[in-house]
């Protein structure tokens, strides 16, 4: 039961990470497509997306293994 709860918490952490990174990326891409910001902003937007993807994938991997988001190994 503890692994299921820890996995659920890790899944919630992955979804929060995606939303925290996804909303600024969406706003930046919208601004880029509307020509409100310079073209060089694509670089930081892509880097932010990559970092967010790595963090979300890490939490998702923990969710599958049943590891609490704040731990490295199972309890």
Protein backbone atom coordinates (compact mmCIF):
# COMPACT_ATOMS: atom_id res chain seq x y z
CA UNK A 1 0.00 0.00 0.00
CA UNK A 2 2.88 2.36 0.78
CA UNK A 3 4.37 1.89 -2.70
CA UNK A 4 1.04 2.73 -4.33
CA UNK A 5 0.73 5.91 -2.28
CA UNK A 6 4.34 6.90 -2.99
CA UNK A 7 3.82 6.20 -6.68
CA UNK A 8 0.69 8.35 -6.68
CA UNK A 9 2.61 11.20 -5.03
CA UNK A 10 5.33 10.90 -7.66
CA UNK A 11 2.70 10.99 -10.40
CA UNK A 12 1.25 14.17 -8.89
CA UNK A 13 4.77 15.66 -8.76
CA UNK A 14 5.28 14.82 -12.45
CA UNK A 15 2.00 16.51 -13.40
CA UNK A 16 2.86 19.58 -11.33
CA UNK A 17 6.28 19.76 -12.97
CA UNK A 18 4.67 19.59 -16.41
CA UNK A 19 2.20 22.34 -15.57
CA UNK A 20 4.83 24.60 -13.99
CA UNK A 21 7.01 24.32 -17.08
CA UNK A 22 4.28 23.91 -19.68
CA UNK A 23 2.38 27.13 -19.05
CA UNK A 24 5.40 29.45 -19.52
CA UNK A 25 6.41 27.49 -22.61
CA UNK A 26 2.93 27.85 -24.06
CA UNK A 27 2.93 31.59 -23.37
CA UNK A 28 6.39 32.03 -24.86
CA UNK A 29 5.54 30.06 -28.00
CA UNK A 30 2.35 32.08 -28.41
CA UNK A 31 4.38 35.29 -28.10
CA UNK A 32 6.96 33.97 -30.55
CA UNK A 33 4.36 33.04 -33.15
CA UNK A 34 2.74 36.47 -32.77
CA UNK A 35 6.12 38.21 -33.28
CA UNK A 36 5.95 39.89 -29.88
CA UNK A 37 9.44 38.77 -28.85
CA UNK A 38 12.68 38.32 -30.83
CA UNK A 39 13.54 35.06 -32.54
CA UNK A 40 16.45 34.29 -30.19
CA UNK A 41 13.91 33.47 -27.45
CA UNK A 42 13.39 30.07 -29.12
CA UNK A 43 16.68 28.90 -27.57
CA UNK A 44 15.70 29.43 -23.92
CA UNK A 45 12.21 28.09 -24.61
CA UNK A 46 13.64 24.85 -26.02
CA UNK A 47 16.07 24.54 -23.09
CA UNK A 48 13.24 25.11 -20.60
CA UNK A 49 11.18 22.43 -22.33
CA UNK A 50 14.08 20.00 -22.20
CA UNK A 51 14.72 20.59 -18.53
CA UNK A 52 11.03 20.26 -17.71
CA UNK A 53 10.84 17.05 -19.69
CA UNK A 54 13.79 15.58 -17.81
CA UNK A 55 12.28 16.50 -14.44
CA UNK A 56 8.84 15.14 -15.37
CA UNK A 57 10.39 11.92 -16.73
CA UNK A 58 12.31 11.47 -13.48
CA UNK A 59 9.16 11.80 -11.40
CA UNK A 60 7.26 9.52 -13.79
CA UNK A 61 9.97 6.87 -13.45
CA UNK A 62 9.68 7.14 -9.67
CA UNK A 63 5.90 6.80 -9.97
CA UNK A 64 6.25 3.55 -11.92
CA UNK A 65 8.72 2.13 -9.39
CA UNK A 66 6.66 3.27 -6.39
CA UNK A 67 9.27 5.64 -4.95
CA UNK A 68 8.32 8.72 -2.94
CA UNK A 69 9.14 11.98 -4.81
CA UNK A 70 11.58 13.08 -2.09
CA UNK A 71 13.48 9.78 -1.85
CA UNK A 72 15.98 7.99 -4.05
CA UNK A 73 15.04 4.43 -3.10
CA UNK A 74 11.95 2.56 -1.94
CA UNK A 75 11.13 2.51 1.74
